Amino acid sequence: MLRIQFKELANTVTMQIEGRFVGNFAENARRAVADSKHPSSLLVDLSAMTFVDDIGEEVLSWLKELGSKFTAGTAYSHDVCERLQLPLAS
């Protein structure tokens, strides 16, 4: 199961990922971001992500290429950020 929430504050949009970021779910998330007006700043919160597969990792790397920053509140999400060299928000 996957749940993605978008929260907009000023010039930042937070994309919160909850659950398993896999397969078609991850691809649908990519399409949603690609089809939207890109915010000046996208913050991707991985704190509630419980699993990511190869496709999900590709999407996270793509989000990094867009200039997104990431937050990781768990050991698992922090490990994913380190492995994929995702930039953590300060």
PDB file of N, CA and C in Angstrom:
ATOM      1  N   MET A   1       0.839  -1.173   0.000  1.00  0.00           N
ATOM      2  CA  MET A   1       0.000   0.000   0.000  1.00  0.00           C
ATOM      3  C   MET A   1       0.883   1.234   0.000  1.00  0.00           C
ATOM      4  N   LEU A   2       0.438   2.266  -0.699  1.00  0.00           N
ATOM      5  CA  LEU A   2       1.183   3.516  -0.791  1.00  0.00           C
ATOM      6  C   LEU A   2       0.232   4.682  -0.662  1.00  0.00           C
ATOM      7  N   ARG A   3       0.688   5.684   0.046  1.00  0.00           N
ATOM      8  CA  ARG A   3      -0.061   6.932   0.163  1.00  0.00           C
ATOM      9  C   ARG A   3       0.932   8.059  -0.049  1.00  0.00           C
ATOM     10  N   ILE A   4       0.568   8.997  -0.910  1.00  0.00           N
ATOM     11  CA  ILE A   4       1.406  10.165  -1.152  1.00  0.00           C
ATOM     12  C   ILE A   4       0.549  11.404  -0.932  1.00  0.00           C
ATOM     13  N   GLN A   5       1.071  12.305  -0.119  1.00  0.00           N
ATOM     14  CA  GLN A   5       0.386  13.570   0.142  1.00  0.00           C
ATOM     15  C   GLN A   5       1.281  14.711  -0.303  1.00  0.00           C
ATOM     16  N   PHE A   6       0.668  15.717  -0.902  1.00  0.00           N
ATOM     17  CA  PHE A   6       1.370  16.927  -1.272  1.00  0.00           C
ATOM     18  C   PHE A   6       0.844  18.056  -0.405  1.00  0.00           C
ATOM     19  N   LYS A   7       1.770  18.803   0.201  1.00  0.00           N
ATOM     20  CA  LYS A   7       1.411  19.963   1.016  1.00  0.00           C
ATOM     21  C   LYS A   7       2.175  21.159   0.479  1.00  0.00           C
ATOM     22  N   GLU A   8       1.449  22.235   0.220  1.00  0.00           N
ATOM     23  CA  GLU A   8       2.080  23.420  -0.354  1.00  0.00           C
ATOM     24  C   GLU A   8       2.161  24.518   0.702  1.00  0.00           C
ATOM     25  N   LEU A   9       3.371  25.039   0.903  1.00  0.00           N
ATOM     26  CA  LEU A   9       3.613  26.147   1.806  1.00  0.00           C
ATOM     27  C   LEU A   9       4.533  27.141   1.118  1.00  0.00           C
ATOM     28  N   ALA A  10       4.056  28.346   0.907  1.00  0.00           N
ATOM     29  CA  ALA A  10       4.831  29.405   0.247  1.00  0.00           C
ATOM     30  C   ALA A  10       5.441  28.881  -1.054  1.00  0.00           C
ATOM     31  N   ASN A  11       6.771  28.814  -1.125  1.00  0.00           N
ATOM     32  CA  ASN A  11       7.445  28.367  -2.346  1.00  0.00           C
ATOM     33  C   ASN A  11       7.929  26.927  -2.251  1.00  0.00           C
ATOM     34  N   THR A  12       7.462  26.186  -1.263  1.00  0.00           N
ATOM     35  CA  THR A  12       7.898  24.811  -1.073  1.00  0.00           C
ATOM     36  C   THR A  12       6.701  23.866  -1.101  1.00  0.00           C
ATOM     37  N   VAL A  13       6.869  22.770  -1.800  1.00  0.00           N
ATOM     38  CA  VAL A  13       5.869  21.702  -1.780  1.00  0.00           C
ATOM     39  C   VAL A  13       6.525  20.499  -1.123  1.00  0.00           C
ATOM     40  N   THR A  14       5.839  19.941  -0.124  1.00  0.00           N
ATOM     41  CA  THR A  14       6.317  18.730   0.532  1.00  0.00           C
ATOM     42  C   THR A  14       5.548  17.543  -0.032  1.00  0.00           C
ATOM     43  N   MET A  15       6.296  16.548  -0.456  1.00  0.00           N
ATOM     44  CA  MET A  15       5.721  15.298  -0.953  1.00  0.00           C
ATOM     45  C   MET A  15       6.023  14.236   0.093  1.00  0.00           C
ATOM     46  N   GLN A  16       5.006  13.801   0.819  1.00  0.00           N
ATOM     47  CA  GLN A  16       5.195  12.805   1.869  1.00  0.00           C
ATOM     48  C   GLN A  16       4.817  11.427   1.330  1.00  0.00           C
ATOM     49  N   ILE A  17       5.777  10.499   1.400  1.00  0.00           N
ATOM     50  CA  ILE A  17       5.582   9.141   0.913  1.00  0.00           C
ATOM     51  C   ILE A  17       5.391   8.223   2.109  1.00  0.00           C
ATOM     52  N   GLU A  18       4.270   7.503   2.113  1.00  0.00           N
ATOM     53  CA  GLU A  18       3.968   6.577   3.209  1.00  0.00           C
ATOM     54  C   GLU A  18       3.733   5.184   2.628  1.00  0.00           C
ATOM     55  N   GLY A  19       4.466   4.198   3.137  1.00  0.00           N
ATOM     56  CA  GLY A  19       4.265   2.822   2.697  1.00  0.00           C
ATOM     57  C   GLY A  19       5.320   2.365   1.709  1.00  0.00           C
ATOM     58  N   ARG A  20       4.901   1.472   0.810  1.00  0.00           N
ATOM     59  CA  ARG A  20       5.813   0.814  -0.133  1.00  0.00           C
ATOM     60  C   ARG A  20       5.868   1.602  -1.443  1.00  0.00           C
ATOM     61  N   PHE A  21       7.030   2.184  -1.742  1.00  0.00           N
ATOM     62  CA  PHE A  21       7.235   2.979  -2.957  1.00  0.00           C
ATOM     63  C   PHE A  21       7.788   2.052  -4.027  1.00  0.00           C
ATOM     64  N   VAL A  22       6.869   1.383  -4.737  1.00  0.00           N
ATOM     65  CA  VAL A  22       7.259   0.302  -5.659  1.00  0.00           C
ATOM     66  C   VAL A  22       6.493   0.384  -6.972  1.00  0.00           C
ATOM     67  N   GLY A  23       7.098  -0.203  -8.010  1.00  0.00           N
ATOM     68  CA  GLY A  23       6.449  -0.456  -9.282  1.00  0.00           C
ATOM     69  C   GLY A  23       5.595   0.661  -9.840  1.00  0.00           C
ATOM     70  N   ASN A  24       4.367   0.292 -10.210  1.00  0.00           N
ATOM     71  CA  ASN A  24       3.441   1.253 -10.818  1.00  0.00           C
ATOM     72  C   ASN A  24       3.110   2.416  -9.899  1.00  0.00           C
ATOM     73  N   PHE A  25       3.111   2.182  -8.588  1.00  0.00           N
ATOM     74  CA  PHE A  25       2.841   3.272  -7.650  1.00  0.00           C
ATOM     75  C   PHE A  25       3.901   4.353  -7.781  1.00  0.00           C
ATOM     76  N   ALA A  26       5.169   3.936  -7.856  1.00  0.00           N
ATOM     77  CA  ALA A  26       6.266   4.895  -8.002  1.00  0.00           C
ATOM     78  C   ALA A  26       6.191   5.596  -9.357  1.00  0.00           C
ATOM     79  N   GLU A  27       5.870   4.855 -10.409  1.00  0.00           N
ATOM     80  CA  GLU A  27       5.737   5.463 -11.740  1.00  0.00           C
ATOM     81  C   GLU A  27       4.595   6.478 -11.766  1.00  0.00           C
ATOM     82  N   ASN A  28       3.491   6.175 -11.105  1.00  0.00           N
ATOM     83  CA  ASN A  28       2.374   7.122 -11.032  1.00  0.00           C
ATOM     84  C   ASN A  28       2.789   8.388 -10.293  1.00  0.00           C
ATOM     85  N   ALA A  29       3.594   8.239  -9.273  1.00  0.00           N
ATOM     86  CA  ALA A  29       4.094   9.408  -8.541  1.00  0.00           C
ATOM     87  C   ALA A  29       4.975  10.256  -9.452  1.00  0.00           C
ATOM     88  N   ARG A  30       5.821   9.603 -10.251  1.00  0.00           N
ATOM     89  CA  ARG A  30       6.679  10.344 -11.198  1.00  0.00           C
ATOM     90  C   ARG A  30       5.819  11.141 -12.179  1.00  0.00           C
ATOM     91  N   ARG A  31       4.784  10.488 -12.717  1.00  0.00           N
ATOM     92  CA  ARG A  31       3.898  11.182 -13.661  1.00  0.00           C
ATOM     93  C   ARG A  31       3.198  12.364 -13.008  1.00  0.00           C
ATOM     94  N   ALA A  32       2.772  12.193 -11.761  1.00  0.00           N
ATOM     95  CA  ALA A  32       2.085  13.280 -11.059  1.00  0.00           C
ATOM     96  C   ALA A  32       3.004  14.486 -10.899  1.00  0.00           C
ATOM     97  N   VAL A  33       4.258  14.244 -10.564  1.00  0.00           N
ATOM     98  CA  VAL A  33       5.204  15.348 -10.410  1.00  0.00           C
ATOM     99  C   VAL A  33       5.531  15.946 -11.774  1.00  0.00           C
ATOM    100  N   ALA A  34       5.740  15.105 -12.777  1.00  0.00           N
ATOM    101  CA  ALA A  34       6.092  15.592 -14.116  1.00  0.00           C
ATOM    102  C   ALA A  34       4.967  16.414 -14.731  1.00  0.00           C
ATOM    103  N   ASP A  35       3.730  16.041 -14.460  1.00  0.00           N
ATOM    104  CA  ASP A  35       2.583  16.741 -15.032  1.00  0.00           C
ATOM    105  C   ASP A  35       2.202  18.000 -14.270  1.00  0.00           C
ATOM    106  N   SER A  36       2.781  18.194 -13.107  1.00  0.00           N
ATOM    107  CA  SER A  36       2.426  19.353 -12.290  1.00  0.00           C
ATOM    108  C   SER A  36       3.351  20.520 -12.585  1.00  0.00           C
ATOM    109  N   LYS A  37       2.919  21.674 -12.140  1.00  0.00           N
ATOM    110  CA  LYS A  37       3.783  22.855 -12.214  1.00  0.00           C
ATOM    111  C   LYS A  37       4.879  22.650 -11.188  1.00  0.00           C
ATOM    112  N   HIS A  38       6.116  22.663 -11.627  1.00  0.00           N
ATOM    113  CA  HIS A  38       7.217  22.401 -10.704  1.00  0.00           C
ATOM    114  C   HIS A  38       7.366  23.555  -9.721  1.00  0.00           C
ATOM    115  N   PRO A  39       7.348  23.248  -8.445  1.00  0.00           N
ATOM    116  CA  PRO A  39       7.556  24.294  -7.446  1.00  0.00           C
ATOM    117  C   PRO A  39       9.020  24.720  -7.440  1.00  0.00           C
ATOM    118  N   SER A  40       9.266  25.880  -6.847  1.00  0.00           N
ATOM    119  CA  SER A  40      10.660  26.328  -6.756  1.00  0.00           C
ATOM    120  C   SER A  40      11.450  25.417  -5.833  1.00  0.00           C
ATOM    121  N   SER A  41      10.755  24.723  -4.941  1.00  0.00           N
ATOM    122  CA  SER A  41      11.433  23.818  -4.027  1.00  0.00           C
ATOM    123  C   SER A  41      10.521  22.632  -3.705  1.00  0.00           C
ATOM    124  N   LEU A  42      11.036  21.415  -3.914  1.00  0.00           N
ATOM    125  CA  LEU A  42      10.289  20.204  -3.588  1.00  0.00           C
ATOM    126  C   LEU A  42      11.036  19.466  -2.488  1.00  0.00           C
ATOM    127  N   LEU A  43      10.351  19.223  -1.394  1.00  0.00           N
ATOM    128  CA  LEU A  43      10.899  18.486  -0.268  1.00  0.00           C
ATOM    129  C   LEU A  43      10.193  17.137  -0.219  1.00  0.00           C
ATOM    130  N   VAL A  44      10.952  16.068  -0.305  1.00  0.00           N
ATOM    131  CA  VAL A  44      10.385  14.713  -0.314  1.00  0.00           C
ATOM    132  C   VAL A  44      10.636  14.089   1.048  1.00  0.00           C
ATOM    133  N   ASP A  45       9.560  13.819   1.780  1.00  0.00           N
ATOM    134  CA  ASP A  45       9.646  13.240   3.127  1.00  0.00           C
ATOM    135  C   ASP A  45       9.525  11.724   3.023  1.00  0.00           C
ATOM    136  N   LEU A  46      10.619  11.031   3.322  1.00  0.00           N
ATOM    137  CA  LEU A  46      10.659   9.574   3.237  1.00  0.00           C
ATOM    138  C   LEU A  46      10.485   8.900   4.601  1.00  0.00           C
ATOM    139  N   SER A  47      10.169   9.654   5.620  1.00  0.00           N
ATOM    140  CA  SER A  47      10.124   9.149   6.991  1.00  0.00           C
ATOM    141  C   SER A  47       9.143   8.001   7.194  1.00  0.00           C
ATOM    142  N   ALA A  48       8.047   7.986   6.423  1.00  0.00           N
ATOM    143  CA  ALA A  48       7.041   6.937   6.586  1.00  0.00           C
ATOM    144  C   ALA A  48       7.104   5.897   5.462  1.00  0.00           C
ATOM    145  N   MET A  49       8.155   5.948   4.651  1.00  0.00           N
ATOM    146  CA  MET A  49       8.322   4.952   3.590  1.00  0.00           C
ATOM    147  C   MET A  49       8.852   3.669   4.224  1.00  0.00           C
ATOM    148  N   THR A  50       8.200   2.549   3.921  1.00  0.00           N
ATOM    149  CA  THR A  50       8.595   1.284   4.545  1.00  0.00           C
ATOM    150  C   THR A  50       9.425   0.380   3.640  1.00  0.00           C
ATOM    151  N   PHE A  51       9.356   0.613   2.313  1.00  0.00           N
ATOM    152  CA  PHE A  51      10.118  -0.213   1.379  1.00  0.00           C
ATOM    153  C   PHE A  51      10.199   0.509   0.044  1.00  0.00           C
ATOM    154  N   VAL A  52      11.307   0.320  -0.657  1.00  0.00           N
ATOM    155  CA  VAL A  52      11.459   0.862  -2.010  1.00  0.00           C
ATOM    156  C   VAL A  52      12.116  -0.204  -2.877  1.00  0.00           C
ATOM    157  N   ASP A  53      11.578  -0.392  -4.103  1.00  0.00           N
ATOM    158  CA  ASP A  53      12.185  -1.355  -5.037  1.00  0.00           C
ATOM    159  C   ASP A  53      13.031  -0.597  -6.055  1.00  0.00           C
ATOM    160  N   ASP A  54      13.511  -1.314  -7.090  1.00  0.00           N
ATOM    161  CA  ASP A  54      14.369  -0.694  -8.105  1.00  0.00           C
ATOM    162  C   ASP A  54      13.680   0.458  -8.826  1.00  0.00           C
ATOM    163  N   ILE A  55      12.415   0.285  -9.139  1.00  0.00           N
ATOM    164  CA  ILE A  55      11.682   1.349  -9.838  1.00  0.00           C
ATOM    165  C   ILE A  55      11.520   2.557  -8.925  1.00  0.00           C
ATOM    166  N   GLY A  56      11.179   2.310  -7.670  1.00  0.00           N
ATOM    167  CA  GLY A  56      11.071   3.401  -6.706  1.00  0.00           C
ATOM    168  C   GLY A  56      12.390   4.142  -6.539  1.00  0.00           C
ATOM    169  N   GLU A  57      13.495   3.399  -6.536  1.00  0.00           N
ATOM    170  CA  GLU A  57      14.805   4.033  -6.433  1.00  0.00           C
ATOM    171  C   GLU A  57      15.091   4.894  -7.656  1.00  0.00           C
ATOM    172  N   GLU A  58      14.686   4.435  -8.840  1.00  0.00           N
ATOM    173  CA  GLU A  58      14.852   5.237 -10.059  1.00  0.00           C
ATOM    174  C   GLU A  58      14.072   6.540  -9.955  1.00  0.00           C
ATOM    175  N   VAL A  59      12.860   6.466  -9.428  1.00  0.00           N
ATOM    176  CA  VAL A  59      12.031   7.665  -9.289  1.00  0.00           C
ATOM    177  C   VAL A  59      12.650   8.617  -8.264  1.00  0.00           C
ATOM    178  N   LEU A  60      13.154   8.093  -7.152  1.00  0.00           N
ATOM    179  CA  LEU A  60      13.805   8.948  -6.161  1.00  0.00           C
ATOM    180  C   LEU A  60      15.037   9.628  -6.758  1.00  0.00           C
ATOM    181  N   SER A  61      15.801   8.900  -7.551  1.00  0.00           N
ATOM    182  CA  SER A  61      16.968   9.492  -8.218  1.00  0.00           C
ATOM    183  C   SER A  61      16.544  10.562  -9.218  1.00  0.00           C
ATOM    184  N   TRP A  62      15.438  10.330  -9.904  1.00  0.00           N
ATOM    185  CA  TRP A  62      14.898  11.328 -10.832  1.00  0.00           C
ATOM    186  C   TRP A  62      14.479  12.587 -10.078  1.00  0.00           C
ATOM    187  N   LEU A  63      13.846  12.404  -8.916  1.00  0.00           N
ATOM    188  CA  LEU A  63      13.469  13.557  -8.095  1.00  0.00           C
ATOM    189  C   LEU A  63      14.703  14.338  -7.656  1.00  0.00           C
ATOM    190  N   LYS A  64      15.782  13.625  -7.351  1.00  0.00           N
ATOM    191  CA  LYS A  64      17.039  14.293  -6.998  1.00  0.00           C
ATOM    192  C   LYS A  64      17.528  15.143  -8.163  1.00  0.00           C
ATOM    193  N   GLU A  65      17.440  14.609  -9.391  1.00  0.00           N
ATOM    194  CA  GLU A  65      17.871  15.352 -10.578  1.00  0.00           C
ATOM    195  C   GLU A  65      17.049  16.614 -10.791  1.00  0.00           C
ATOM    196  N   LEU A  66      15.801  16.619 -10.326  1.00  0.00           N
ATOM    197  CA  LEU A  66      14.958  17.811 -10.424  1.00  0.00           C
ATOM    198  C   LEU A  66      15.360  18.882  -9.412  1.00  0.00           C
ATOM    199  N   GLY A  67      16.228  18.512  -8.475  1.00  0.00           N
ATOM    200  CA  GLY A  67      16.663  19.462  -7.450  1.00  0.00           C
ATOM    201  C   GLY A  67      15.950  19.306  -6.125  1.00  0.00           C
ATOM    202  N   SER A  68      15.246  18.199  -5.943  1.00  0.00           N
ATOM    203  CA  SER A  68      14.525  17.965  -4.688  1.00  0.00           C
ATOM    204  C   SER A  68      15.488  17.730  -3.537  1.00  0.00           C
ATOM    205  N   LYS A  69      15.028  18.073  -2.338  1.00  0.00           N
ATOM    206  CA  LYS A  69      15.712  17.745  -1.095  1.00  0.00           C
ATOM    207  C   LYS A  69      14.872  16.684  -0.398  1.00  0.00           C
ATOM    208  N   PHE A  70      15.494  15.948   0.513  1.00  0.00           N
ATOM    209  CA  PHE A  70      14.827  14.818   1.151  1.00  0.00           C
ATOM    210  C   PHE A  70      14.952  14.909   2.668  1.00  0.00           C
ATOM    211  N   THR A  71      13.961  14.341   3.356  1.00  0.00           N
ATOM    212  CA  THR A  71      14.045  14.169   4.800  1.00  0.00           C
ATOM    213  C   THR A  71      13.890  12.681   5.093  1.00  0.00           C
ATOM    214  N   ALA A  72      14.607  12.235   6.113  1.00  0.00           N
ATOM    215  CA  ALA A  72      14.607  10.817   6.476  1.00  0.00           C
ATOM    216  C   ALA A  72      14.543  10.710   7.991  1.00  0.00           C
ATOM    217  N   GLY A  73      13.411  10.262   8.512  1.00  0.00           N
ATOM    218  CA  GLY A  73      13.224  10.186   9.953  1.00  0.00           C
ATOM    219  C   GLY A  73      13.416   8.806  10.550  1.00  0.00           C
ATOM    220  N   THR A  74      13.740   7.826   9.698  1.00  0.00           N
ATOM    221  CA  THR A  74      13.943   6.469  10.197  1.00  0.00           C
ATOM    222  C   THR A  74      15.286   5.947   9.690  1.00  0.00           C
ATOM    223  N   ALA A  75      15.753   4.876  10.315  1.00  0.00           N
ATOM    224  CA  ALA A  75      17.015   4.279   9.885  1.00  0.00           C
ATOM    225  C   ALA A  75      16.905   3.783   8.444  1.00  0.00           C
ATOM    226  N   TYR A  76      15.758   3.194   8.085  1.00  0.00           N
ATOM    227  CA  TYR A  76      15.586   2.687   6.726  1.00  0.00           C
ATOM    228  C   TYR A  76      15.633   3.825   5.711  1.00  0.00           C
ATOM    229  N   SER A  77      14.857   4.875   5.944  1.00  0.00           N
ATOM    230  CA  SER A  77      14.824   5.976   4.977  1.00  0.00           C
ATOM    231  C   SER A  77      16.177   6.688   4.910  1.00  0.00           C
ATOM    232  N   HIS A  78      16.868   6.765   6.024  1.00  0.00           N
ATOM    233  CA  HIS A  78      18.201   7.373   6.029  1.00  0.00           C
ATOM    234  C   HIS A  78      19.174   6.520   5.214  1.00  0.00           C
ATOM    235  N   ASP A  79      19.066   5.203   5.336  1.00  0.00           N
ATOM    236  CA  ASP A  79      19.908   4.301   4.555  1.00  0.00           C
ATOM    237  C   ASP A  79      19.647   4.460   3.059  1.00  0.00           C
ATOM    238  N   VAL A  80      18.380   4.593   2.676  1.00  0.00           N
ATOM    239  CA  VAL A  80      18.031   4.796   1.269  1.00  0.00           C
ATOM    240  C   VAL A  80      18.662   6.095   0.758  1.00  0.00           C
ATOM    241  N   CYS A  81      18.572   7.144   1.552  1.00  0.00           N
ATOM    242  CA  CYS A  81      19.166   8.423   1.148  1.00  0.00           C
ATOM    243  C   CYS A  81      20.677   8.309   0.983  1.00  0.00           C
ATOM    244  N   GLU A  82      21.323   7.600   1.874  1.00  0.00           N
ATOM    245  CA  GLU A  82      22.774   7.425   1.762  1.00  0.00           C
ATOM    246  C   GLU A  82      23.139   6.598   0.534  1.00  0.00           C
ATOM    247  N   ARG A  83      22.439   5.488   0.319  1.00  0.00           N
ATOM    248  CA  ARG A  83      22.740   4.610  -0.814  1.00  0.00           C
ATOM    249  C   ARG A  83      22.568   5.307  -2.150  1.00  0.00           C
ATOM    250  N   LEU A  84      21.496   6.110  -2.262  1.00  0.00           N
ATOM    251  CA  LEU A  84      21.187   6.779  -3.521  1.00  0.00           C
ATOM    252  C   LEU A  84      21.800   8.185  -3.594  1.00  0.00           C
ATOM    253  N   GLN A  85      22.511   8.558  -2.539  1.00  0.00           N
ATOM    254  CA  GLN A  85      23.130   9.883  -2.439  1.00  0.00           C
ATOM    255  C   GLN A  85      22.109  10.988  -2.648  1.00  0.00           C
ATOM    256  N   LEU A  86      20.973  10.858  -1.946  1.00  0.00           N
ATOM    257  CA  LEU A  86      19.923  11.866  -2.011  1.00  0.00           C
ATOM    258  C   LEU A  86      20.264  12.994  -1.035  1.00  0.00           C
ATOM    259  N   PRO A  87      20.182  14.237  -1.466  1.00  0.00           N
ATOM    260  CA  PRO A  87      20.545  15.352  -0.593  1.00  0.00           C
ATOM    261  C   PRO A  87      19.511  15.567   0.515  1.00  0.00           C
ATOM    262  N   LEU A  88      19.969  15.552   1.746  1.00  0.00           N
ATOM    263  CA  LEU A  88      19.083  15.770   2.888  1.00  0.00           C
ATOM    264  C   LEU A  88      18.897  17.262   3.137  1.00  0.00           C
ATOM    265  N   ALA A  89      17.673  17.634   3.453  1.00  0.00           N
ATOM    266  CA  ALA A  89      17.378  19.021   3.801  1.00  0.00           C
ATOM    267  C   ALA A  89      18.027  19.313   5.153  1.00  0.00           C
ATOM    268  N   SER A  90      18.460  20.537   5.316  1.00  0.00           N
ATOM    269  CA  SER A  90      19.112  20.890   6.601  1.00  0.00           C
ATOM    270  C   SER A  90      18.098  21.236   7.656  1.00  0.00           C
TER     271      SER A  90
END
